[in-house]
C-alpha atoms as a PDB file:
ATOM      1  CA  MET A   1      -0.208  -0.032   0.051  1.00  0.00           C
ATOM      2  CA  ALA A   2       1.272   3.721  -1.098  1.00  0.00           C
ATOM      3  CA  PRO A   3       2.391   5.809   1.825  1.00  0.00           C
ATOM      4  CA  HIS A   4      -0.335   7.987   0.905  1.00  0.00           C
ATOM      5  CA  HIS A   5      -3.107   5.676   1.617  1.00  0.00           C
ATOM      6  CA  VAL A   6      -1.371   4.622   4.547  1.00  0.00           C
ATOM      7  CA  LEU A   7      -1.458   8.224   5.924  1.00  0.00           C
ATOM      8  CA  LYS A   8      -5.175   8.614   4.583  1.00  0.00           C
ATOM      9  CA  CYS A   9      -6.160   5.487   6.584  1.00  0.00           C
ATOM     10  CA  CYS A  10      -4.512   6.781   9.791  1.00  0.00           C
ATOM     11  CA  GLN A  11      -6.193   9.724   9.498  1.00  0.00           C
ATOM     12  CA  ARG A  12      -9.872   8.382   9.069  1.00  0.00           C
ATOM     13  CA  SER A  13      -9.001   6.151  12.123  1.00  0.00           C
ATOM     14  CA  LEU A  14      -7.800   9.055  14.139  1.00  0.00           C
ATOM     15  CA  ALA A  15     -10.823  10.983  13.197  1.00  0.00           C
ATOM     16  CA  TRP A  16     -12.803   8.493  15.301  1.00  0.00           C
ATOM     17  CA  ILE A  17     -11.123   9.500  18.832  1.00  0.00           C
ATOM     18  CA  PRO A  18     -13.445  12.628  19.686  1.00  0.00           C
ATOM     19  CA  VAL A  19     -16.590  10.412  18.866  1.00  0.00           C
ATOM     20  CA  ILE A  20     -15.388   7.200  20.814  1.00  0.00           C
ATOM     21  CA  PHE A  21     -14.527   9.819  23.784  1.00  0.00           C
ATOM     22  CA  ILE A  22     -17.984  11.377  23.684  1.00  0.00           C
ATOM     23  CA  ASN A  23     -19.777   7.943  23.388  1.00  0.00           C
ATOM     24  CA  LEU A  24     -17.570   6.793  26.448  1.00  0.00           C
ATOM     25  CA  VAL A  25     -18.569   9.630  28.294  1.00  0.00           C
ATOM     26  CA  VAL A  26     -22.255   9.488  27.556  1.00  0.00           C
ATOM     27  CA  GLY A  27     -22.224   5.829  28.231  1.00  0.00           C
ATOM     28  CA  TRP A  28     -20.498   6.151  31.911  1.00  0.00           C
ATOM     29  CA  SER A  29     -23.071   9.076  32.632  1.00  0.00           C
ATOM     30  CA  TYR A  30     -25.849   6.536  31.808  1.00  0.00           C
ATOM     31  CA  TYR A  31     -24.549   4.015  34.147  1.00  0.00           C
ATOM     32  CA  ALA A  32     -23.476   6.504  36.777  1.00  0.00           C
ATOM     33  CA  TYR A  33     -27.264   8.390  36.835  1.00  0.00           C
ATOM     34  CA  VAL A  34     -29.507   5.075  36.304  1.00  0.00           C
ATOM     35  CA  VAL A  35     -27.165   2.680  38.279  1.00  0.00           C
ATOM     36  CA  GLU A  36     -25.558   4.722  40.817  1.00  0.00           C
ATOM     37  CA  LEU A  37     -28.010   7.210  41.562  1.00  0.00           C
ATOM     38  CA  CYS A  38     -31.193   6.122  40.794  1.00  0.00           C
ATOM     39  CA  ILE A  39     -31.097   2.625  41.978  1.00  0.00           C
ATOM     40  CA  PHE A  40     -28.403   2.912  44.859  1.00  0.00           C
ATOM     41  CA  THR A  41     -28.847   6.231  46.274  1.00  0.00           C
ATOM     42  CA  ILE A  42     -32.497   7.388  45.810  1.00  0.00           C
ATOM     43  CA  PRO A  43     -34.577   6.137  48.253  1.00  0.00           C
ATOM     44  CA  ASN A  44     -38.096   7.203  47.084  1.00  0.00           C
ATOM     45  CA  ASN A  45     -39.443   4.760  44.287  1.00  0.00           C
ATOM     46  CA  ALA A  46     -41.983   7.852  42.905  1.00  0.00           C
ATOM     47  CA  GLU A  47     -38.942   9.777  42.519  1.00  0.00           C
ATOM     48  CA  LYS A  48     -36.923   7.069  41.156  1.00  0.00           C
ATOM     49  CA  ILE A  49     -39.251   6.365  38.464  1.00  0.00           C
ATOM     50  CA  SER A  50     -39.950  10.031  37.262  1.00  0.00           C
ATOM     51  CA  TYR A  51     -36.435  10.955  37.178  1.00  0.00           C
ATOM     52  CA  LEU A  52     -35.827   7.506  35.156  1.00  0.00           C
ATOM     53  CA  GLY A  53     -38.558   8.341  32.562  1.00  0.00           C
ATOM     54  CA  VAL A  54     -37.536  11.828  31.952  1.00  0.00           C
ATOM     55  CA  PHE A  55     -33.856  10.723  31.493  1.00  0.00           C
ATOM     56  CA  HIS A  56     -34.343   7.963  29.303  1.00  0.00           C
ATOM     57  CA  LEU A  57     -36.405  10.385  27.012  1.00  0.00           C
ATOM     58  CA  PHE A  58     -33.596  13.099  26.688  1.00  0.00           C
ATOM     59  CA  PHE A  59     -31.116  10.296  26.360  1.00  0.00           C
ATOM     60  CA  ILE A  60     -33.031   8.654  23.626  1.00  0.00           C
ATOM     61  CA  MET A  61     -33.606  11.919  21.710  1.00  0.00           C
ATOM     62  CA  PHE A  62     -29.667  12.739  22.534  1.00  0.00           C
ATOM     63  CA  ILE A  63     -28.435   9.433  20.884  1.00  0.00           C
ATOM     64  CA  TRP A  64     -30.800   9.754  18.152  1.00  0.00           C
ATOM     65  CA  SER A  65     -29.828  13.076  16.729  1.00  0.00           C
ATOM     66  CA  TYR A  66     -26.101  12.551  17.692  1.00  0.00           C
ATOM     67  CA  TRP A  67     -26.080   9.592  15.405  1.00  0.00           C
ATOM     68  CA  LYS A  68     -28.298  10.730  12.672  1.00  0.00           C
ATOM     69  CA  THR A  69     -25.593  13.829  12.305  1.00  0.00           C
ATOM     70  CA  ILE A  70     -22.716  11.128  12.264  1.00  0.00           C
ATOM     71  CA  CYS A  71     -24.477   9.108   9.889  1.00  0.00           C
ATOM     72  CA  SER A  72     -25.903  11.575   7.535  1.00  0.00           C
ATOM     73  CA  ARG A  73     -23.230  12.082   4.797  1.00  0.00           C
ATOM     74  CA  PRO A  74     -22.683  14.878   2.927  1.00  0.00           C
ATOM     75  CA  VAL A  75     -24.049  15.710  -0.350  1.00  0.00           C
ATOM     76  CA  SER A  76     -22.107  17.193  -3.367  1.00  0.00           C
ATOM     77  CA  PRO A  77     -22.952  18.740  -6.352  1.00  0.00           C
ATOM     78  CA  SER A  78     -25.294  17.402  -8.972  1.00  0.00           C
ATOM     79  CA  LYS A  79     -23.458  16.217 -12.326  1.00  0.00           C
ATOM     80  CA  GLU A  80     -25.045  19.677 -13.926  1.00  0.00           C
ATOM     81  CA  PHE A  81     -22.484  21.384 -12.345  1.00  0.00           C
ATOM     82  CA  CYS A  82     -19.752  19.281 -13.448  1.00  0.00           C
ATOM     83  CA  LEU A  83     -17.755  20.533 -16.753  1.00  0.00           C
ATOM     84  CA  ALA A  84     -18.618  18.486 -20.126  1.00  0.00           C
ATOM     85  CA  LYS A  85     -15.361  16.325 -21.185  1.00  0.00           C
ATOM     86  CA  VAL A  86     -14.852  18.808 -24.019  1.00  0.00           C
ATOM     87  CA  GLU A  87     -15.255  21.948 -21.746  1.00  0.00           C
ATOM     88  CA  LYS A  88     -12.837  20.144 -18.936  1.00  0.00           C
ATOM     89  CA  GLU A  89      -9.879  19.604 -21.532  1.00  0.00           C
ATOM     90  CA  GLN A  90     -10.067  23.073 -22.787  1.00  0.00           C
ATOM     91  CA  TYR A  91     -10.177  24.623 -19.597  1.00  0.00           C
ATOM     92  CA  GLU A  92      -7.144  22.912 -18.296  1.00  0.00           C
ATOM     93  CA  LYS A  93      -5.156  24.170 -21.554  1.00  0.00           C
ATOM     94  CA  GLU A  94      -6.596  27.614 -20.926  1.00  0.00           C
ATOM     95  CA  GLN A  95      -4.830  30.757 -19.217  1.00  0.00           C
ATOM     96  CA  PRO A  96      -6.961  32.245 -16.204  1.00  0.00           C
ATOM     97  CA  ASP A  97      -9.113  34.873 -18.171  1.00  0.00           C
ATOM     98  CA  ALA A  98     -10.033  32.375 -20.646  1.00  0.00           C
ATOM     99  CA  GLN A  99     -10.936  29.845 -18.157  1.00  0.00           C
ATOM    100  CA  GLN A 100     -13.424  32.314 -16.516  1.00  0.00           C
ATOM    101  CA  ASP A 101     -14.950  32.638 -20.056  1.00  0.00           C
ATOM    102  CA  ILE A 102     -15.331  28.946 -20.145  1.00  0.00           C
ATOM    103  CA  LEU A 103     -17.054  28.634 -16.905  1.00  0.00           C
ATOM    104  CA  LYS A 104     -19.327  31.782 -17.822  1.00  0.00           C
ATOM    105  CA  LYS A 105     -20.573  29.720 -20.551  1.00  0.00           C
ATOM    106  CA  ALA A 106     -20.993  26.327 -18.961  1.00  0.00           C
ATOM    107  CA  ALA A 107     -22.859  28.115 -16.052  1.00  0.00           C
ATOM    108  CA  VAL A 108     -25.587  29.687 -18.135  1.00  0.00           C
ATOM    109  CA  GLY A 109     -28.906  28.109 -16.996  1.00  0.00           C
ATOM    110  CA  LEU A 110     -27.466  26.825 -14.006  1.00  0.00           C
ATOM    111  CA  PRO A 111     -28.959  28.229 -10.631  1.00  0.00           C
ATOM    112  CA  VAL A 112     -25.946  30.148  -9.747  1.00  0.00           C
ATOM    113  CA  TYR A 113     -26.380  33.704  -7.982  1.00  0.00           C
ATOM    114  CA  THR A 114     -22.920  34.373  -6.115  1.00  0.00           C
ATOM    115  CA  ARG A 115     -19.485  34.386  -6.995  1.00  0.00           C
ATOM    116  CA  THR A 116     -15.901  34.887  -5.769  1.00  0.00           C
ATOM    117  CA  GLY A 117     -14.788  38.252  -3.952  1.00  0.00           C
ATOM    118  CA  THR A 118     -13.523  38.833  -7.346  1.00  0.00           C
ATOM    119  CA  GLY A 119     -16.599  38.311  -9.212  1.00  0.00           C
ATOM    120  CA  ALA A 120     -15.431  35.130 -10.553  1.00  0.00           C
ATOM    121  CA  VAL A 121     -17.212  31.948 -11.057  1.00  0.00           C
ATOM    122  CA  ARG A 122     -16.659  29.905  -7.992  1.00  0.00           C
ATOM    123  CA  TYR A 123     -15.257  26.641  -9.376  1.00  0.00           C
ATOM    124  CA  CYS A 124     -13.442  23.821  -7.502  1.00  0.00           C
ATOM    125  CA  ASP A 125     -10.150  22.887  -9.275  1.00  0.00           C
ATOM    126  CA  HIS A 126      -9.999  19.585  -7.167  1.00  0.00           C
ATOM    127  CA  CYS A 127     -13.374  18.451  -7.583  1.00  0.00           C
ATOM    128  CA  GLN A 128     -13.778  19.792 -10.979  1.00  0.00           C
ATOM    129  CA  VAL A 129     -16.965  21.335 -10.247  1.00  0.00           C
ATOM    130  CA  ILE A 130     -18.909  24.550 -10.709  1.00  0.00           C
ATOM    131  CA  LYS A 131     -19.989  25.264  -7.122  1.00  0.00           C
ATOM    132  CA  PRO A 132     -23.852  25.988  -6.351  1.00  0.00           C
ATOM    133  CA  ASP A 133     -24.723  28.787  -3.941  1.00  0.00           C
ATOM    134  CA  ARG A 134     -23.719  28.183  -0.452  1.00  0.00           C
ATOM    135  CA  CYS A 135     -21.434  25.343  -1.397  1.00  0.00           C
ATOM    136  CA  HIS A 136     -17.694  24.776  -0.370  1.00  0.00           C
ATOM    137  CA  HIS A 137     -14.840  22.403  -0.331  1.00  0.00           C
ATOM    138  CA  CYS A 138     -13.906  20.417   2.617  1.00  0.00           C
ATOM    139  CA  SER A 139     -10.449  19.489   2.663  1.00  0.00           C
ATOM    140  CA  THR A 140     -11.026  16.992   5.655  1.00  0.00           C
ATOM    141  CA  CYS A 141     -13.920  15.128   3.879  1.00  0.00           C
ATOM    142  CA  ASP A 142     -12.108  15.673   0.198  1.00  0.00           C
ATOM    143  CA  MET A 143     -15.596  16.899  -1.260  1.00  0.00           C
ATOM    144  CA  CYS A 144     -17.488  19.777  -2.157  1.00  0.00           C
ATOM    145  CA  VAL A 145     -20.460  19.810   0.291  1.00  0.00           C
ATOM    146  CA  LEU A 146     -23.919  21.391  -0.269  1.00  0.00           C
ATOM    147  CA  LYS A 147     -24.556  24.711   2.102  1.00  0.00           C
ATOM    148  CA  MET A 148     -21.592  23.925   4.309  1.00  0.00           C
ATOM    149  CA  ASP A 149     -21.445  25.197   7.491  1.00  0.00           C
ATOM    150  CA  HIS A 150     -18.290  23.364   9.217  1.00  0.00           C
ATOM    151  CA  HIS A 151     -16.752  20.474   9.552  1.00  0.00           C
ATOM    152  CA  CYS A 152     -17.269  19.153  13.437  1.00  0.00           C
ATOM    153  CA  PRO A 153     -14.585  16.736  14.623  1.00  0.00           C
ATOM    154  CA  TRP A 154     -16.764  15.618  17.450  1.00  0.00           C
ATOM    155  CA  VAL A 155     -19.240  13.644  14.842  1.00  0.00           C
ATOM    156  CA  ASN A 156     -16.201  13.620  12.472  1.00  0.00           C
ATOM    157  CA  ASN A 157     -18.415  14.698   9.635  1.00  0.00           C
ATOM    158  CA  CYS A 158     -19.398  17.704   7.725  1.00  0.00           C
ATOM    159  CA  VAL A 159     -21.995  19.920   8.856  1.00  0.00           C
ATOM    160  CA  GLY A 160     -23.934  20.921   5.907  1.00  0.00           C
ATOM    161  CA  PHE A 161     -27.397  20.654   3.964  1.00  0.00           C
ATOM    162  CA  SER A 162     -28.035  17.097   4.621  1.00  0.00           C
ATOM    163  CA  ASN A 163     -27.709  17.093   8.597  1.00  0.00           C
ATOM    164  CA  TYR A 164     -27.696  20.667  10.060  1.00  0.00           C
ATOM    165  CA  LYS A 165     -31.185  20.274  11.607  1.00  0.00           C
ATOM    166  CA  PHE A 166     -29.788  16.834  13.278  1.00  0.00           C
ATOM    167  CA  PHE A 167     -26.823  18.869  14.706  1.00  0.00           C
ATOM    168  CA  VAL A 168     -28.792  21.712  16.045  1.00  0.00           C
ATOM    169  CA  LEU A 169     -31.440  19.035  17.619  1.00  0.00           C
ATOM    170  CA  PHE A 170     -28.208  17.418  18.577  1.00  0.00           C
ATOM    171  CA  LEU A 171     -27.000  20.615  20.624  1.00  0.00           C
ATOM    172  CA  ALA A 172     -30.232  21.153  21.988  1.00  0.00           C
ATOM    173  CA  TYR A 173     -30.745  17.563  23.493  1.00  0.00           C
ATOM    174  CA  SER A 174     -27.388  17.453  24.563  1.00  0.00           C
ATOM    175  CA  MET A 175     -27.863  20.611  26.471  1.00  0.00           C
ATOM    176  CA  LEU A 176     -31.237  19.121  28.011  1.00  0.00           C
ATOM    177  CA  TYR A 177     -29.594  15.978  29.018  1.00  0.00           C
ATOM    178  CA  CYS A 178     -26.883  17.734  30.715  1.00  0.00           C
ATOM    179  CA  VAL A 179     -29.188  20.370  32.769  1.00  0.00           C
ATOM    180  CA  PHE A 180     -31.710  17.548  33.658  1.00  0.00           C
ATOM    181  CA  ILE A 181     -28.690  15.510  35.253  1.00  0.00           C
ATOM    182  CA  ALA A 182     -27.340  18.506  36.736  1.00  0.00           C
ATOM    183  CA  ALA A 183     -30.364  19.772  38.175  1.00  0.00           C
ATOM    184  CA  THR A 184     -31.610  16.350  39.561  1.00  0.00           C
ATOM    185  CA  VAL A 185     -28.044  15.283  40.776  1.00  0.00           C
ATOM    186  CA  LEU A 186     -27.501  18.482  42.688  1.00  0.00           C
ATOM    187  CA  GLN A 187     -29.365  17.578  45.996  1.00  0.00           C
ATOM    188  CA  TYR A 188     -27.497  14.411  46.412  1.00  0.00           C
ATOM    189  CA  PHE A 189     -24.204  16.068  45.156  1.00  0.00           C
ATOM    190  CA  ILE A 190     -24.774  18.485  48.432  1.00  0.00           C
ATOM    191  CA  LYS A 191     -25.647  15.032  50.580  1.00  0.00           C
ATOM    192  CA  PHE A 192     -22.869  13.360  49.453  1.00  0.00           C
ATOM    193  CA  TRP A 193     -20.183  16.577  49.718  1.00  0.00           C
ATOM    194  CA  THR A 194     -21.504  17.418  53.152  1.00  0.00           C
ATOM    195  CA  ASN A 195     -21.191  14.056  54.308  1.00  0.00           C
ATOM    196  CA  GLN A 196     -25.111  13.618  54.886  1.00  0.00           C
ATOM    197  CA  LEU A 197     -25.225  10.274  52.804  1.00  0.00           C
ATOM    198  CA  PRO A 198     -23.027   7.061  53.680  1.00  0.00           C
ATOM    199  CA  ASP A 199     -19.530   7.066  52.025  1.00  0.00           C
ATOM    200  CA  THR A 200     -20.168   4.615  49.280  1.00  0.00           C
ATOM    201  CA  HIS A 201     -18.918   3.737  46.012  1.00  0.00           C
ATOM    202  CA  ALA A 202     -21.896   5.808  44.480  1.00  0.00           C
ATOM    203  CA  LYS A 203     -20.213   8.877  45.901  1.00  0.00           C
ATOM    204  CA  PHE A 204     -17.397   9.193  42.983  1.00  0.00           C
ATOM    205  CA  HIS A 205     -19.798   8.932  40.693  1.00  0.00           C
ATOM    206  CA  VAL A 206     -22.601  11.226  41.874  1.00  0.00           C
ATOM    207  CA  LEU A 207     -19.775  13.725  42.767  1.00  0.00           C
ATOM    208  CA  PHE A 208     -18.034  13.508  39.190  1.00  0.00           C
ATOM    209  CA  LEU A 209     -21.343  13.459  37.262  1.00  0.00           C
ATOM    210  CA  PHE A 210     -22.489  16.714  38.448  1.00  0.00           C
ATOM    211  CA  PHE A 211     -19.298  18.407  37.411  1.00  0.00           C
ATOM    212  CA  VAL A 212     -19.193  16.737  34.058  1.00  0.00           C
ATOM    213  CA  ALA A 213     -23.150  17.587  33.324  1.00  0.00           C
ATOM    214  CA  ALA A 214     -22.338  21.483  34.374  1.00  0.00           C
ATOM    215  CA  MET A 215     -19.124  21.521  32.718  1.00  0.00           C
ATOM    216  CA  PHE A 216     -20.756  19.981  29.148  1.00  0.00           C
ATOM    217  CA  PHE A 217     -23.689  22.221  29.621  1.00  0.00           C
ATOM    218  CA  ILE A 218     -21.852  25.494  29.917  1.00  0.00           C
ATOM    219  CA  SER A 219     -19.681  24.880  26.742  1.00  0.00           C
ATOM    220  CA  ILE A 220     -22.358  23.818  24.730  1.00  0.00           C
ATOM    221  CA  LEU A 221     -25.079  26.520  25.468  1.00  0.00           C
ATOM    222  CA  SER A 222     -22.398  29.176  23.720  1.00  0.00           C
ATOM    223  CA  LEU A 223     -22.537  26.939  20.441  1.00  0.00           C
ATOM    224  CA  PHE A 224     -26.115  26.249  20.749  1.00  0.00           C
ATOM    225  CA  SER A 225     -26.956  29.770  21.246  1.00  0.00           C
ATOM    226  CA  TYR A 226     -24.726  31.007  18.251  1.00  0.00           C
ATOM    227  CA  HIS A 227     -26.271  28.247  15.876  1.00  0.00           C
ATOM    228  CA  LEU A 228     -29.881  29.366  16.663  1.00  0.00           C
ATOM    229  CA  TRP A 229     -28.601  33.121  15.929  1.00  0.00           C
ATOM    230  CA  LEU A 230     -27.556  31.336  12.518  1.00  0.00           C
ATOM    231  CA  VAL A 231     -30.773  29.956  11.957  1.00  0.00           C
ATOM    232  CA  GLY A 232     -32.674  32.888  12.512  1.00  0.00           C
ATOM    233  CA  LYS A 233     -30.672  34.441  10.018  1.00  0.00           C
ATOM    234  CA  ASN A 234     -30.111  31.642   7.515  1.00  0.00           C
ATOM    235  CA  ARG A 235     -26.496  31.815   7.621  1.00  0.00           C
ATOM    236  CA  THR A 236     -24.130  29.137   7.712  1.00  0.00           C
ATOM    237  CA  THR A 237     -20.789  29.713   9.481  1.00  0.00           C
ATOM    238  CA  ILE A 238     -18.717  30.197   6.634  1.00  0.00           C
ATOM    239  CA  GLU A 239     -21.648  33.116   5.671  1.00  0.00           C
ATOM    240  CA  ALA A 240     -21.089  34.511   8.812  1.00  0.00           C
ATOM    241  CA  PHE A 241     -17.541  35.261   8.504  1.00  0.00           C
ATOM    242  CA  ARG A 242     -17.543  35.744   5.115  1.00  0.00           C
ATOM    243  CA  ALA A 243     -20.666  37.124   3.353  1.00  0.00           C
ATOM    244  CA  PRO A 244     -21.641  35.584   0.009  1.00  0.00           C
ATOM    245  CA  VAL A 245     -21.093  37.692  -3.273  1.00  0.00           C
ATOM    246  CA  PHE A 246     -23.902  38.757  -5.489  1.00  0.00           C
ATOM    247  CA  ARG A 247     -23.787  40.771  -8.236  1.00  0.00           C
ATOM    248  CA  ASN A 248     -24.213  44.215  -6.156  1.00  0.00           C
ATOM    249  CA  GLY A 249     -21.569  43.196  -3.861  1.00  0.00           C
ATOM    250  CA  PRO A 250     -21.424  40.943  -0.654  1.00  0.00           C
ATOM    251  CA  ASP A 251     -24.715  40.556   1.251  1.00  0.00           C
ATOM    252  CA  LYS A 252     -24.639  38.779   4.781  1.00  0.00           C
ATOM    253  CA  ASN A 253     -28.585  38.810   4.621  1.00  0.00           C
ATOM    254  CA  GLY A 254     -28.524  37.739   1.022  1.00  0.00           C
ATOM    255  CA  PHE A 255     -30.322  34.294   1.932  1.00  0.00           C
ATOM    256  CA  SER A 256     -32.305  35.985   4.750  1.00  0.00           C
ATOM    257  CA  LEU A 257     -36.251  35.548   4.155  1.00  0.00           C
ATOM    258  CA  GLY A 258     -37.347  36.771   7.617  1.00  0.00           C
ATOM    259  CA  PHE A 259     -36.856  34.667  10.841  1.00  0.00           C
ATOM    260  CA  SER A 260     -40.060  32.349  10.514  1.00  0.00           C
ATOM    261  CA  ARG A 261     -38.859  31.490   7.067  1.00  0.00           C
ATOM    262  CA  ASN A 262     -35.737  31.187   7.760  1.00  0.00           C
ATOM    263  CA  VAL A 263     -36.512  28.441  10.723  1.00  0.00           C
ATOM    264  CA  VAL A 264     -38.883  26.688   8.266  1.00  0.00           C
ATOM    265  CA  GLU A 265     -36.247  26.393   5.633  1.00  0.00           C
ATOM    266  CA  VAL A 266     -33.820  24.382   8.080  1.00  0.00           C
ATOM    267  CA  PHE A 267     -36.679  22.523  10.104  1.00  0.00           C
ATOM    268  CA  GLY A 268     -39.285  22.338   7.601  1.00  0.00           C
ATOM    269  CA  ASP A 269     -43.041  23.397   7.139  1.00  0.00           C
ATOM    270  CA  GLN A 270     -44.626  20.968   9.403  1.00  0.00           C
ATOM    271  CA  LYS A 271     -43.951  22.040  13.112  1.00  0.00           C
ATOM    272  CA  LYS A 272     -44.681  18.595  14.561  1.00  0.00           C
ATOM    273  CA  TYR A 273     -41.776  16.832  13.325  1.00  0.00           C
ATOM    274  CA  TRP A 274     -39.387  19.777  14.032  1.00  0.00           C
ATOM    275  CA  MET A 275     -38.295  18.189  17.236  1.00  0.00           C
ATOM    276  CA  PHE A 276     -37.531  14.736  15.636  1.00  0.00           C
ATOM    277  CA  PRO A 277     -33.847  14.161  14.006  1.00  0.00           C
ATOM    278  CA  ILE A 278     -36.093  13.112  10.916  1.00  0.00           C
ATOM    279  CA  TYR A 279     -35.180  14.875   7.189  1.00  0.00           C
ATOM    280  CA  THR A 280     -38.130  17.718   6.721  1.00  0.00           C
ATOM    281  CA  SER A 281     -36.029  20.239   4.759  1.00  0.00           C
ATOM    282  CA  ILE A 282     -38.096  21.918   2.290  1.00  0.00           C
ATOM    283  CA  VAL A 283     -35.463  22.179  -0.183  1.00  0.00           C
ATOM    284  CA  ILE A 284     -35.017  19.348  -2.558  1.00  0.00           C
ATOM    285  CA  LEU A 285     -31.484  17.706  -2.631  1.00  0.00           C
ATOM    286  CA  CYS A 286     -31.281  17.421  -6.064  1.00  0.00           C
ATOM    287  CA  ASN A 287     -31.958  21.211  -6.659  1.00  0.00           C
ATOM    288  CA  THR A 288     -29.165  23.596  -5.373  1.00  0.00           C
ATOM    289  CA  ASN A 289     -30.592  26.940  -5.790  1.00  0.00           C
ATOM    290  CA  TYR A 290     -32.040  28.444  -2.366  1.00  0.00           C
ATOM    291  CA  PRO A 291     -34.531  31.026  -1.798  1.00  0.00           C
ATOM    292  CA  THR A 292     -32.795  34.695  -1.248  1.00  0.00           C
ATOM    293  CA  GLU A 293     -34.316  37.852   0.552  1.00  0.00           C
ATOM    294  CA  VAL A 294     -36.642  40.509  -1.397  1.00  0.00           C
ATOM    295  CA  TYR A 295     -36.430  38.950  -4.516  1.00  0.00           C
ATOM    296  CA  SER A 296     -39.522  36.704  -5.772  1.00  0.00           C
ATOM    297  CA  VAL A 297     -39.357  36.063  -9.499  1.00  0.00           C
ATOM    298  CA  ILE A 298     -40.397  32.700 -11.424  1.00  0.00           C
ATOM    299  CA  THR A 299     -37.854  30.491 -12.640  1.00  0.00           C
ATOM    300  CA  ASP A 300     -36.623  29.964 -16.167  1.00  0.00           C
ATOM    301  CA  CYS A 301     -37.968  27.070 -18.456  1.00  0.00           C
ATOM    302  CA  ILE A 302     -34.599  25.513 -17.994  1.00  0.00           C
ATOM    303  CA  TRP A 303     -35.023  24.627 -14.315  1.00  0.00           C
ATOM    304  CA  ALA A 304     -39.094  24.109 -14.293  1.00  0.00           C
ATOM    305  CA  ASN A 305     -38.738  20.385 -14.567  1.00  0.00           C
ATOM    306  CA  LYS A 306     -37.087  20.036 -10.762  1.00  0.00           C
ATOM    307  CA  THR A 307     -38.607  23.392  -9.150  1.00  0.00           C
ATOM    308  CA  ALA A 308     -41.960  21.911  -9.833  1.00  0.00           C
ATOM    309  CA  ARG A 309     -41.140  19.558  -6.662  1.00  0.00           C
ATOM    310  CA  ILE A 310     -40.418  22.579  -4.182  1.00  0.00           C
ATOM    311  CA  LYS A 311     -43.284  23.977  -2.786  1.00  0.00           C
ATOM    312  CA  SER A 312     -44.354  27.030  -4.718  1.00  0.00           C
ATOM    313  CA  ASN A 313     -44.633  29.480  -1.813  1.00  0.00           C
ATOM    314  CA  ILE A 314     -41.042  29.169  -0.941  1.00  0.00           C
ATOM    315  CA  LEU A 315     -39.339  29.619  -4.439  1.00  0.00           C
ATOM    316  CA  HIS A 316     -37.625  33.037  -4.622  1.00  0.00           C
ATOM    317  CA  LEU A 317     -35.114  33.058  -7.383  1.00  0.00           C
ATOM    318  CA  PRO A 318     -33.418  36.260  -7.561  1.00  0.00           C
ATOM    319  CA  MET A 319     -32.731  37.304 -11.181  1.00  0.00           C
ATOM    320  CA  SER A 320     -31.878  40.810 -10.054  1.00  0.00           C
ATOM    321  CA  LYS A 321     -28.604  38.888  -8.934  1.00  0.00           C
ATOM    322  CA  CYS A 322     -27.838  36.895 -11.253  1.00  0.00           C
ATOM    323  CA  TRP A 323     -24.553  36.755 -13.225  1.00  0.00           C
ATOM    324  CA  PHE A 324     -25.942  35.686 -16.428  1.00  0.00           C
END
């Protein structure tokens, strides 16, 4: 096996260490709470049962959303955004200016409304694809990812179009999981700390469980708050740091449709499914154009066969921002 492939295999294996660490901590927290606290420490059966019921609800939702975030693979641009073989061969031979002319011709008819800071067509030389709006190349995943937010080492996956809702729910349920543990463990933490309870093997687990839950809650709170803000603004982490460039220049609110519709674009239009880590986005995978602010114009006939699958009340294509 070539050294390059060996290095790649090692990198992929090491990338799972943060995920393994999280699962070990969660596994221990389950044992500490269910066995050491509820079974061996809490004397009241009614309190014990109620704690176990709520705990398992948060635990299941947390694990479900976490593994959905991990297992939902990133989505790359469809073949419409790839250059034809003849165009690709010509592109590789030309100078930068001539290459841009080739890309402009290839991008005609594509739902592409953003460009680079210099006004060039966004093209990935590595993947050899014209980048759709909000698409970026992830060096870790080694692919272009639709609506890429960031690459998260704690899930060993890119957070983007395919799993952003799951990621936000993962943060929400991990917060609820931690705050519930900290709140219900607190009174027994105090009793162990002040020696009101006998010094049993459960003492270490209860004391450490409170500290771990409180620490993770505080660390996740800021990240969850930030992503709620991003959802409300309909931005990705990348767009928050570098505004997308339209024909009239950079516009940090270029994809904002107003708070309620921004939330709907991530969580879907059926509120009963918002709290579940199931796919409910109203943007169809094979369609890489995204609704943008202010402009509401019917798309051209080239994309009519695809846009028919999108709910008509959220289709807003900004022809005044289009480059072609």
